[in-house]
């Protein structure tokens, strides 16, 4: 804090010392010029009157180097009438012929004679002018009778009152400027202090947010590890249930004589397979979140893979009265990617589209080349129930369901779209979704023709 005060103190001194001094000097110069100009005008008027009323008088002034008594009387009357503070008269040689006090120094007179046509003026005090008292005067050295230059008149006009008024105004302005600078300084100090408090508070909030983010990340990692571990634990007994149910259903050991038991065994088997599929999704998502997902990269014919996926989904579509349309080009698209993950992506998107499309609806898959990105683009569009714009983010969240009614009506963990999105990103592709409630959903994704590695993915090439 002391350093900050020192900084602002130095700034204040600079502003008052440099800015204030410069402003004061400028104001002083302008005011001095104004006072001098007024005094010079008064002196010129007096000199003009002198040249018209005194100089051409009959008493032939200054002709013999002495001032006659008559001229002295005229001059005293002239001084009284004009109110001059002083008057000096010099002949053309610079000899003082008449003065009310003091005389011009020889050097000053020589300087004035360099340009005998020029009127020179300056502000002087009584002492500097060689006079008694404490007046401030404007002294003007005025040639009379140019070009013959018969004589020079040095007039002194009293400007003491104007000068004192100017000095008071200077002090007032200087004090005002200093006060204003002080107010500005205090304002800057307050703003600086307030900014410092805000920054400190923001820093504390950032530290809290960082701590919360680290805690949330740690919780996410623990959740992912838990899901991965529990998924492994569940798959072992579940594989046994599925295996034994298959054996019983195939009647390899003995014939199942009761039709109800046979139906029950079928239910156990199908439920086990479905449960295993859900557990595999959870395990895959946990691996992807933890950055431990493995990809087996190979060249695959995505046209054939998509046709196979359509065949797998077809029974469910037919039972639901949904029409499947394949709009992929007849040419075969071959890319470098993970074949199993691509098939899982297609099955997830097609199954989702069929699941949320009512009877009489349609699910269409399309594809084309993106030459600019050297990629293949796929699109799965349905005419199903759709998703409201505000709920798309919720549907894309892990384990997300738009509402509880849907979660009861449509089975699933809510991992289909998030897992698909994650797979596509890790395989170097792009994913987007557009949906409108009551009008359907369109999912578009692209995959590069040549695989490009992504951080956090373990790659195993089988080319």
Protein backbone atom coordinates (compact mmCIF):
# COMPACT_ATOMS: atom_id res chain seq x y z
CA UNK A 1 0.00 0.00 0.00
CA UNK A 2 2.91 2.37 0.80
CA UNK A 3 4.32 1.83 -2.68
CA UNK A 4 0.97 2.79 -4.20
CA UNK A 5 0.82 5.99 -2.11
CA UNK A 6 4.33 6.90 -3.20
CA UNK A 7 3.38 6.33 -6.82
CA UNK A 8 0.33 8.59 -6.60
CA UNK A 9 2.29 11.20 -4.66
CA UNK A 10 4.91 11.33 -7.40
CA UNK A 11 2.14 11.50 -9.99
CA UNK A 12 0.51 14.37 -8.09
CA UNK A 13 3.79 16.28 -7.86
CA UNK A 14 4.38 15.75 -11.57
CA UNK A 15 0.90 16.99 -12.42
CA UNK A 16 1.14 20.02 -10.15
CA UNK A 17 4.82 20.66 -10.81
CA UNK A 18 4.80 20.19 -14.57
CA UNK A 19 1.21 20.62 -15.64
CA UNK A 20 0.37 23.21 -12.98
CA UNK A 21 3.56 25.21 -13.57
CA UNK A 22 3.08 25.17 -17.34
CA UNK A 23 -0.52 26.28 -16.99
CA UNK A 24 0.47 28.97 -14.48
CA UNK A 25 3.27 30.25 -16.71
CA UNK A 26 0.94 30.40 -19.69
CA UNK A 27 -1.74 32.26 -17.73
CA UNK A 28 0.85 34.66 -16.25
CA UNK A 29 2.28 35.42 -19.68
CA UNK A 30 -1.13 36.06 -21.21
CA UNK A 31 -2.26 38.25 -18.30
CA UNK A 32 1.02 40.22 -18.32
CA UNK A 33 0.70 40.84 -22.04
CA UNK A 34 -2.88 42.02 -21.51
CA UNK A 35 -1.87 44.47 -18.75
CA UNK A 36 1.11 45.67 -20.75
CA UNK A 37 -1.01 46.15 -23.84
CA UNK A 38 -3.54 48.25 -21.92
CA UNK A 39 -0.76 50.38 -20.38
CA UNK A 40 0.94 50.84 -23.75
CA UNK A 41 -2.30 52.03 -25.34
CA UNK A 42 -2.72 54.55 -22.53
CA UNK A 43 0.87 55.74 -22.96
CA UNK A 44 0.45 56.10 -26.72
CA UNK A 45 -2.68 58.18 -26.21
CA UNK A 46 -0.79 60.41 -23.76
CA UNK A 47 2.16 60.73 -26.16
CA UNK A 48 -0.19 61.69 -28.97
CA UNK A 49 -1.76 64.37 -26.79
CA UNK A 50 1.73 65.56 -25.82
CA UNK A 51 2.79 65.85 -29.46
CA UNK A 52 -0.38 67.77 -30.33
CA UNK A 53 -0.74 70.06 -27.27
CA UNK A 54 2.72 70.60 -25.74
CA UNK A 55 5.44 70.06 -28.29
CA UNK A 56 4.35 72.60 -31.00
CA UNK A 57 3.83 75.35 -28.34
CA UNK A 58 5.15 78.86 -28.86
CA UNK A 59 7.78 78.55 -26.13
CA UNK A 60 10.04 76.56 -28.54
CA UNK A 61 10.76 73.61 -26.17
CA UNK A 62 14.09 71.83 -25.92
CA UNK A 63 15.73 74.03 -28.48
CA UNK A 64 18.57 75.07 -26.24
CA UNK A 65 18.88 71.93 -24.14
CA UNK A 66 16.93 73.42 -21.26
CA UNK A 67 13.25 73.31 -20.41
CA UNK A 68 11.72 76.73 -20.00
CA UNK A 69 9.65 77.60 -17.00
CA UNK A 70 6.63 77.94 -19.20
CA UNK A 71 7.13 74.42 -20.59
CA UNK A 72 7.64 73.06 -17.07
CA UNK A 73 4.32 74.58 -16.05
CA UNK A 74 2.65 73.12 -19.14
CA UNK A 75 4.15 69.70 -18.38
CA UNK A 76 2.99 69.70 -14.75
CA UNK A 77 -0.51 70.62 -15.86
CA UNK A 78 -0.32 67.94 -18.56
CA UNK A 79 0.76 65.29 -16.03
CA UNK A 80 -2.04 66.28 -13.70
CA UNK A 81 -4.65 66.09 -16.46
CA UNK A 82 -3.48 62.77 -17.94
CA UNK A 83 -2.78 61.05 -14.62
CA UNK A 84 0.64 59.76 -15.71
CA UNK A 85 2.76 58.21 -12.96
CA UNK A 86 5.88 59.67 -14.54
CA UNK A 87 7.27 61.39 -17.63
CA UNK A 88 10.73 61.77 -19.13
CA UNK A 89 11.74 63.68 -22.23
CA UNK A 90 14.96 63.06 -24.18
CA UNK A 91 16.38 64.88 -27.15
CA UNK A 92 17.58 63.13 -30.30
CA UNK A 93 21.02 62.61 -28.76
CA UNK A 94 19.59 60.82 -25.73
CA UNK A 95 20.14 63.67 -23.33
CA UNK A 96 17.51 63.87 -20.58
CA UNK A 97 15.70 67.18 -20.85
CA UNK A 98 12.87 66.69 -18.35
CA UNK A 99 11.95 64.05 -15.75
CA UNK A 100 9.54 63.56 -12.89
CA UNK A 101 12.10 61.25 -11.33
CA UNK A 102 14.92 58.97 -12.41
CA UNK A 103 16.40 58.48 -15.85
CA UNK A 104 16.78 55.70 -18.40
CA UNK A 105 20.11 53.94 -18.33
CA UNK A 106 22.38 54.61 -21.27
CA UNK A 107 22.32 50.98 -22.39
CA UNK A 108 18.51 50.93 -22.46
CA UNK A 109 18.46 54.16 -24.46
CA UNK A 110 21.00 52.81 -26.96
CA UNK A 111 18.85 49.69 -27.41
CA UNK A 112 15.76 51.86 -27.98
CA UNK A 113 17.59 53.98 -30.58
CA UNK A 114 18.38 50.93 -32.75
CA UNK A 115 14.88 51.30 -34.18
CA UNK A 116 13.83 54.92 -33.56
CA UNK A 117 10.44 54.33 -35.17
CA UNK A 118 9.51 51.49 -32.80
CA UNK A 119 7.53 51.90 -29.60
CA UNK A 120 8.90 49.67 -26.81
CA UNK A 121 6.99 48.88 -23.63
CA UNK A 122 7.61 46.85 -20.48
CA UNK A 123 6.22 46.40 -16.98
CA UNK A 124 8.43 47.84 -14.22
CA UNK A 125 8.12 48.74 -10.56
CA UNK A 126 9.02 52.10 -9.03
CA UNK A 127 12.42 51.00 -7.81
CA UNK A 128 13.44 49.63 -11.20
CA UNK A 129 12.34 52.89 -12.82
CA UNK A 130 14.37 54.96 -10.36
CA UNK A 131 11.27 56.42 -8.70
CA UNK A 132 9.98 56.47 -5.17
CA UNK A 133 7.01 54.45 -3.98
CA UNK A 134 5.86 50.90 -4.73
CA UNK A 135 3.91 51.22 -7.92
CA UNK A 136 3.70 48.77 -10.81
CA UNK A 137 3.85 50.70 -14.07
CA UNK A 138 3.88 50.19 -17.82
CA UNK A 139 6.84 52.06 -19.27
CA UNK A 140 6.64 53.00 -22.98
CA UNK A 141 9.49 54.62 -24.93
CA UNK A 142 7.82 56.59 -27.74
CA UNK A 143 9.55 58.55 -30.54
CA UNK A 144 7.97 61.94 -31.36
CA UNK A 145 8.46 63.63 -34.73
CA UNK A 146 9.76 60.58 -36.68
CA UNK A 147 11.54 60.66 -39.11
CA UNK A 148 13.17 63.86 -37.84
CA UNK A 149 13.19 62.39 -34.29
CA UNK A 150 13.30 65.71 -32.52
CA UNK A 151 12.71 64.02 -29.14
CA UNK A 152 11.67 60.83 -27.30
CA UNK A 153 9.01 60.57 -24.61
CA UNK A 154 9.14 57.93 -21.84
CA UNK A 155 5.69 57.58 -20.29
CA UNK A 156 4.80 55.66 -17.11
CA UNK A 157 1.18 54.54 -16.53
CA UNK A 158 0.19 53.18 -13.12
CA UNK A 159 -1.24 49.63 -13.47
CA UNK A 160 -0.81 48.62 -9.81
CA UNK A 161 -4.52 47.81 -9.30
CA UNK A 162 -4.73 45.77 -12.51
CA UNK A 163 -1.52 43.97 -11.64
CA UNK A 164 -2.71 43.04 -8.15
CA UNK A 165 -6.06 41.87 -9.54
CA UNK A 166 -4.19 39.70 -12.02
CA UNK A 167 -2.03 38.19 -9.27
CA UNK A 168 -5.11 37.41 -7.18
CA UNK A 169 -6.70 35.77 -10.20
CA UNK A 170 -3.51 33.78 -10.77
CA UNK A 171 -3.58 32.55 -7.19
CA UNK A 172 -7.26 31.69 -7.53
CA UNK A 173 -6.71 29.79 -10.77
CA UNK A 174 -3.59 28.10 -9.41
CA UNK A 175 -5.43 27.07 -6.26
CA UNK A 176 -8.36 25.80 -8.33
CA UNK A 177 -6.07 23.77 -10.58
CA UNK A 178 -4.26 22.33 -7.59
CA UNK A 179 -7.58 21.52 -5.92
CA UNK A 180 -8.87 19.91 -9.09
CA UNK A 181 -5.71 17.84 -9.44
CA UNK A 182 -6.04 16.81 -5.81
CA UNK A 183 -9.66 15.75 -6.36
CA UNK A 184 -8.61 13.82 -9.47
CA UNK A 185 -5.80 12.20 -7.50
CA UNK A 186 -8.18 11.14 -4.75
CA UNK A 187 -10.62 9.84 -7.35
CA UNK A 188 -7.85 7.85 -9.03
CA UNK A 189 -6.75 6.49 -5.67
CA UNK A 190 -10.31 5.43 -4.81
CA UNK A 191 -10.82 3.83 -8.23
CA UNK A 192 -7.46 2.10 -7.96
CA UNK A 193 -8.27 0.81 -4.49
CA UNK A 194 -11.72 -0.36 -5.57
CA UNK A 195 -10.22 -2.06 -8.63
CA UNK A 196 -7.64 -3.70 -6.40
CA UNK A 197 -10.40 -5.03 -4.12
CA UNK A 198 -12.40 -6.30 -7.11
CA UNK A 199 -9.34 -8.02 -8.59
CA UNK A 200 -8.48 -9.59 -5.24
CA UNK A 201 -12.07 -10.79 -4.85
CA UNK A 202 -12.08 -12.16 -8.39
CA UNK A 203 -8.80 -13.93 -7.72
CA UNK A 204 -10.30 -15.57 -4.66
CA UNK A 205 -13.35 -16.62 -6.65
CA UNK A 206 -11.12 -18.02 -9.39
CA UNK A 207 -9.19 -19.99 -6.80
CA UNK A 208 -12.46 -21.34 -5.40
CA UNK A 209 -13.69 -22.24 -8.89
CA UNK A 210 -10.40 -23.96 -9.67
CA UNK A 211 -10.69 -25.93 -6.44
CA UNK A 212 -14.30 -26.84 -7.24
CA UNK A 213 -13.34 -27.82 -10.79
CA UNK A 214 -10.51 -30.01 -9.48
CA UNK A 215 -12.91 -31.56 -6.98
CA UNK A 216 -15.53 -32.15 -9.68
CA UNK A 217 -12.90 -33.68 -11.97
CA UNK A 218 -11.75 -35.93 -9.18
CA UNK A 219 -15.36 -36.97 -8.52
CA UNK A 220 -15.86 -37.63 -12.24
CA UNK A 221 -12.72 -39.76 -12.38
CA UNK A 222 -13.83 -41.70 -9.32
CA UNK A 223 -17.28 -42.17 -10.85
CA UNK A 224 -15.76 -43.40 -14.10
CA UNK A 225 -13.47 -45.79 -12.23
CA UNK A 226 -16.42 -47.04 -10.17
CA UNK A 227 -18.56 -47.59 -13.26
CA UNK A 228 -15.73 -49.38 -15.03
CA UNK A 229 -15.11 -51.58 -12.02
CA UNK A 230 -18.76 -52.41 -11.35
CA UNK A 231 -19.33 -53.06 -15.05
CA UNK A 232 -16.55 -55.64 -15.06
CA UNK A 233 -18.00 -57.22 -11.92
CA UNK A 234 -21.50 -57.39 -13.44
CA UNK A 235 -20.40 -58.87 -16.75
CA UNK A 236 -19.02 -62.05 -15.16
CA UNK A 237 -22.26 -63.34 -13.58
CA UNK A 238 -24.28 -61.92 -16.46
CA UNK A 239 -22.29 -63.93 -19.00
CA UNK A 240 -23.06 -67.03 -16.93
CA UNK A 241 -26.79 -66.21 -16.92
CA UNK A 242 -26.82 -65.68 -20.67
CA UNK A 243 -24.75 -68.81 -21.32
CA UNK A 244 -26.88 -71.11 -19.17
CA UNK A 245 -30.11 -69.63 -20.53
CA UNK A 246 -28.87 -70.37 -24.07
CA UNK A 247 -28.07 -73.96 -23.09
CA UNK A 248 -31.48 -74.47 -21.50
CA UNK A 249 -33.28 -72.75 -24.38
CA UNK A 250 -31.49 -74.90 -26.97
CA UNK A 251 -32.46 -78.02 -24.95
CA UNK A 252 -28.91 -79.36 -25.16
CA UNK A 253 -29.17 -80.92 -21.68
CA UNK A 254 -32.83 -81.88 -21.60
CA UNK A 255 -36.13 -80.97 -23.17
CA UNK A 256 -38.11 -78.16 -21.55
CA UNK A 257 -41.54 -79.70 -21.41
CA UNK A 258 -43.47 -76.81 -19.90
CA UNK A 259 -44.11 -74.08 -22.55
CA UNK A 260 -44.24 -71.40 -19.83
CA UNK A 261 -40.76 -72.38 -18.66
CA UNK A 262 -39.50 -72.17 -22.23
CA UNK A 263 -40.98 -68.67 -22.50
CA UNK A 264 -39.42 -67.70 -19.19
CA UNK A 265 -36.01 -68.94 -20.33
CA UNK A 266 -36.35 -66.85 -23.51
CA UNK A 267 -37.17 -63.79 -21.41
CA UNK A 268 -34.17 -64.43 -19.17
CA UNK A 269 -31.89 -64.72 -22.20
CA UNK A 270 -33.17 -61.61 -23.99
CA UNK A 271 -33.10 -59.58 -20.77
CA UNK A 272 -29.55 -60.73 -20.09
CA UNK A 273 -28.41 -59.79 -23.58
CA UNK A 274 -30.04 -56.37 -23.26
CA UNK A 275 -28.50 -55.83 -19.83
CA UNK A 276 -25.08 -56.84 -21.16
CA UNK A 277 -25.46 -54.31 -23.95
CA UNK A 278 -26.22 -51.55 -21.43
CA UNK A 279 -23.27 -52.55 -19.27
CA UNK A 280 -20.99 -52.52 -22.31
CA UNK A 281 -22.18 -48.99 -23.12
CA UNK A 282 -21.42 -47.84 -19.57
CA UNK A 283 -18.00 -49.49 -19.70
CA UNK A 284 -17.18 -47.90 -23.07
CA UNK A 285 -18.26 -44.45 -21.89
CA UNK A 286 -16.22 -44.80 -18.69
CA UNK A 287 -13.15 -45.71 -20.73
CA UNK A 288 -13.71 -42.81 -23.09
CA UNK A 289 -14.10 -40.38 -20.17
CA UNK A 290 -10.96 -41.72 -18.50
CA UNK A 291 -8.97 -41.50 -21.76
CA UNK A 292 -8.45 -45.27 -21.85
CA UNK A 293 -10.50 -46.07 -24.93
CA UNK A 294 -8.76 -48.31 -27.44
CA UNK A 295 -9.35 -48.04 -31.18
CA UNK A 296 -8.49 -50.76 -33.69
CA UNK A 297 -7.83 -48.89 -36.92
CA UNK A 298 -8.37 -50.71 -40.21
CA UNK A 299 -9.75 -50.08 -43.66
CA UNK A 300 -13.47 -50.80 -43.65
CA UNK A 301 -16.21 -50.61 -46.24
CA UNK A 302 -18.65 -48.29 -44.48
CA UNK A 303 -21.30 -48.86 -47.17
CA UNK A 304 -21.46 -52.55 -46.27
CA UNK A 305 -21.26 -51.82 -42.54
CA UNK A 306 -24.23 -49.45 -42.81
CA UNK A 307 -26.25 -52.02 -44.81
CA UNK A 308 -25.54 -54.64 -42.10
CA UNK A 309 -26.67 -52.20 -39.40
CA UNK A 310 -29.90 -51.55 -41.29
CA UNK A 311 -30.57 -55.27 -41.46
CA UNK A 312 -30.08 -55.61 -37.70
CA UNK A 313 -32.51 -52.76 -36.99
CA UNK A 314 -35.05 -53.80 -39.62
CA UNK A 315 -37.03 -56.29 -37.43
CA UNK A 316 -37.63 -53.66 -34.78
CA UNK A 317 -38.59 -51.09 -37.42
CA UNK A 318 -41.07 -53.50 -39.03
CA UNK A 319 -42.65 -54.38 -35.69
CA UNK A 320 -43.04 -50.66 -34.95
CA UNK A 321 -44.41 -49.79 -38.39
CA UNK A 322 -41.42 -47.59 -39.23
CA UNK A 323 -40.11 -47.38 -42.81
CA UNK A 324 -36.29 -47.59 -43.21
CA UNK A 325 -34.86 -45.76 -46.25
CA UNK A 326 -31.25 -46.22 -47.44
CA UNK A 327 -30.12 -43.20 -49.49
CA UNK A 328 -26.40 -44.04 -49.48
CA UNK A 329 -24.71 -43.90 -52.90
CA UNK A 330 -24.20 -47.23 -54.67
CA UNK A 331 -20.44 -46.73 -54.75
CA UNK A 332 -18.51 -48.26 -51.89
CA UNK A 333 -16.98 -45.89 -49.36
CA UNK A 334 -13.75 -47.14 -47.76
CA UNK A 335 -12.13 -45.29 -44.84
CA UNK A 336 -9.56 -45.87 -42.10
CA UNK A 337 -11.39 -46.18 -38.76
CA UNK A 338 -12.47 -48.57 -36.01
CA UNK A 339 -14.97 -50.95 -37.63
CA UNK A 340 -16.59 -52.06 -34.38
CA UNK A 341 -17.04 -48.53 -33.13
CA UNK A 342 -18.46 -47.43 -36.51
CA UNK A 343 -21.00 -50.23 -36.37
CA UNK A 344 -21.88 -49.28 -32.79
CA UNK A 345 -22.37 -45.65 -33.88
CA UNK A 346 -24.70 -46.68 -36.71
CA UNK A 347 -26.68 -49.08 -34.52
CA UNK A 348 -27.06 -46.45 -31.79
CA UNK A 349 -28.30 -43.77 -34.20
CA UNK A 350 -30.60 -46.07 -36.18
CA UNK A 351 -32.00 -47.74 -33.04
CA UNK A 352 -32.63 -44.35 -31.43
CA UNK A 353 -34.36 -43.07 -34.57
CA UNK A 354 -36.59 -46.15 -34.82
CA UNK A 355 -37.31 -46.15 -31.08
CA UNK A 356 -38.56 -42.54 -31.03
CA UNK A 357 -40.47 -42.67 -34.35
CA UNK A 358 -44.16 -43.64 -34.10
CA UNK A 359 -45.87 -46.07 -36.44
CA UNK A 360 -46.17 -44.75 -39.98
CA UNK A 361 -42.99 -42.68 -39.63
CA UNK A 362 -39.76 -42.90 -41.56
CA UNK A 363 -36.03 -43.16 -40.81
CA UNK A 364 -33.63 -42.21 -43.61
CA UNK A 365 -29.87 -42.65 -43.78
CA UNK A 366 -27.85 -40.65 -46.31
CA UNK A 367 -24.18 -40.18 -47.09
CA UNK A 368 -21.84 -38.15 -49.30
CA UNK A 369 -18.22 -37.16 -49.76
CA UNK A 370 -16.85 -33.90 -48.32
CA UNK A 371 -13.95 -33.23 -50.71
CA UNK A 372 -12.84 -30.05 -48.92
CA UNK A 373 -12.26 -31.94 -45.64
CA UNK A 374 -11.37 -35.28 -47.26
CA UNK A 375 -14.08 -36.94 -45.19
CA UNK A 376 -17.32 -38.91 -45.46
CA UNK A 377 -20.52 -37.41 -44.10
CA UNK A 378 -23.45 -39.51 -42.81
CA UNK A 379 -26.90 -38.33 -41.83
CA UNK A 380 -29.66 -40.17 -39.96
CA UNK A 381 -33.02 -38.36 -40.11
CA UNK A 382 -36.34 -39.44 -38.62
CA UNK A 383 -39.87 -38.11 -38.47
CA UNK A 384 -40.27 -38.98 -34.79
CA UNK A 385 -41.23 -37.09 -31.66
CA UNK A 386 -38.19 -34.78 -31.82
CA UNK A 387 -36.58 -32.79 -29.02
CA UNK A 388 -37.30 -29.22 -27.97
CA UNK A 389 -34.37 -26.88 -28.58
CA UNK A 390 -33.94 -26.23 -24.86
CA UNK A 391 -33.75 -29.98 -24.13
CA UNK A 392 -31.06 -30.94 -26.69
CA UNK A 393 -28.24 -30.28 -24.22
CA UNK A 394 -30.00 -32.47 -21.65
CA UNK A 395 -30.41 -35.29 -24.19
CA UNK A 396 -26.69 -35.09 -25.03
CA UNK A 397 -25.64 -35.34 -21.36
CA UNK A 398 -24.58 -38.75 -20.01
CA UNK A 399 -27.56 -40.70 -18.58
CA UNK A 400 -29.77 -37.79 -19.62
CA UNK A 401 -33.49 -38.13 -20.33
CA UNK A 402 -35.60 -35.23 -21.54
CA UNK A 403 -38.32 -36.07 -18.99
CA UNK A 404 -39.40 -38.88 -16.70
CA UNK A 405 -42.32 -39.85 -18.91
CA UNK A 406 -39.95 -40.69 -21.77
CA UNK A 407 -37.66 -42.67 -19.49
CA UNK A 408 -40.64 -44.84 -18.50
CA UNK A 409 -42.00 -45.23 -22.05
CA UNK A 410 -38.65 -45.77 -23.84
CA UNK A 411 -36.08 -48.06 -22.30
CA UNK A 412 -32.39 -47.17 -22.15
CA UNK A 413 -29.67 -45.61 -20.02
CA UNK A 414 -29.51 -42.32 -21.88
CA UNK A 415 -25.99 -43.12 -23.06
CA UNK A 416 -26.76 -43.70 -26.75
CA UNK A 417 -26.25 -40.17 -28.09
CA UNK A 418 -23.47 -39.12 -25.64
CA UNK A 419 -21.51 -42.31 -26.34
CA UNK A 420 -21.97 -41.89 -30.10
CA UNK A 421 -20.81 -38.29 -29.88
CA UNK A 422 -17.77 -39.34 -27.83
CA UNK A 423 -16.82 -42.11 -30.27
CA UNK A 424 -17.06 -39.80 -33.28
CA UNK A 425 -14.87 -37.15 -31.64
CA UNK A 426 -12.23 -39.69 -30.58
CA UNK A 427 -12.22 -41.11 -34.13
CA UNK A 428 -11.37 -37.64 -35.46
CA UNK A 429 -14.87 -36.77 -36.74
CA UNK A 430 -17.53 -34.15 -36.16
CA UNK A 431 -21.03 -34.48 -34.75
CA UNK A 432 -24.11 -32.24 -34.88
CA UNK A 433 -27.79 -32.62 -34.06
CA UNK A 434 -30.86 -30.65 -35.15
CA UNK A 435 -34.30 -31.39 -33.78
CA UNK A 436 -37.75 -29.89 -33.48
CA UNK A 437 -40.39 -31.18 -31.14
CA UNK A 438 -43.09 -33.10 -33.02
CA UNK A 439 -41.21 -32.98 -36.36
CA UNK A 440 -38.24 -35.27 -35.90
CA UNK A 441 -34.48 -35.31 -35.39
CA UNK A 442 -31.52 -35.20 -37.78
CA UNK A 443 -28.06 -36.32 -36.68
CA UNK A 444 -25.12 -35.54 -38.97
CA UNK A 445 -21.59 -36.77 -38.45
CA UNK A 446 -18.40 -36.98 -40.50
CA UNK A 447 -15.32 -39.18 -40.33
CA UNK A 448 -11.98 -38.51 -42.04
CA UNK A 449 -11.12 -40.79 -44.95
CA UNK A 450 -7.63 -41.21 -43.46
CA UNK A 451 -7.57 -41.65 -39.70
CA UNK A 452 -6.06 -38.81 -37.67
CA UNK A 453 -4.97 -39.60 -34.12
CA UNK A 454 -6.62 -37.77 -31.20
CA UNK A 455 -5.01 -37.18 -27.79
CA UNK A 456 -6.07 -39.57 -25.05
CA UNK A 457 -6.84 -42.52 -27.37
CA UNK A 458 -4.87 -45.75 -27.55
CA UNK A 459 -4.43 -46.80 -31.18
CA UNK A 460 -3.92 -50.33 -32.42
CA UNK A 461 -3.61 -50.64 -36.19
CA UNK A 462 -4.59 -53.89 -37.85
CA UNK A 463 -3.85 -52.83 -41.46
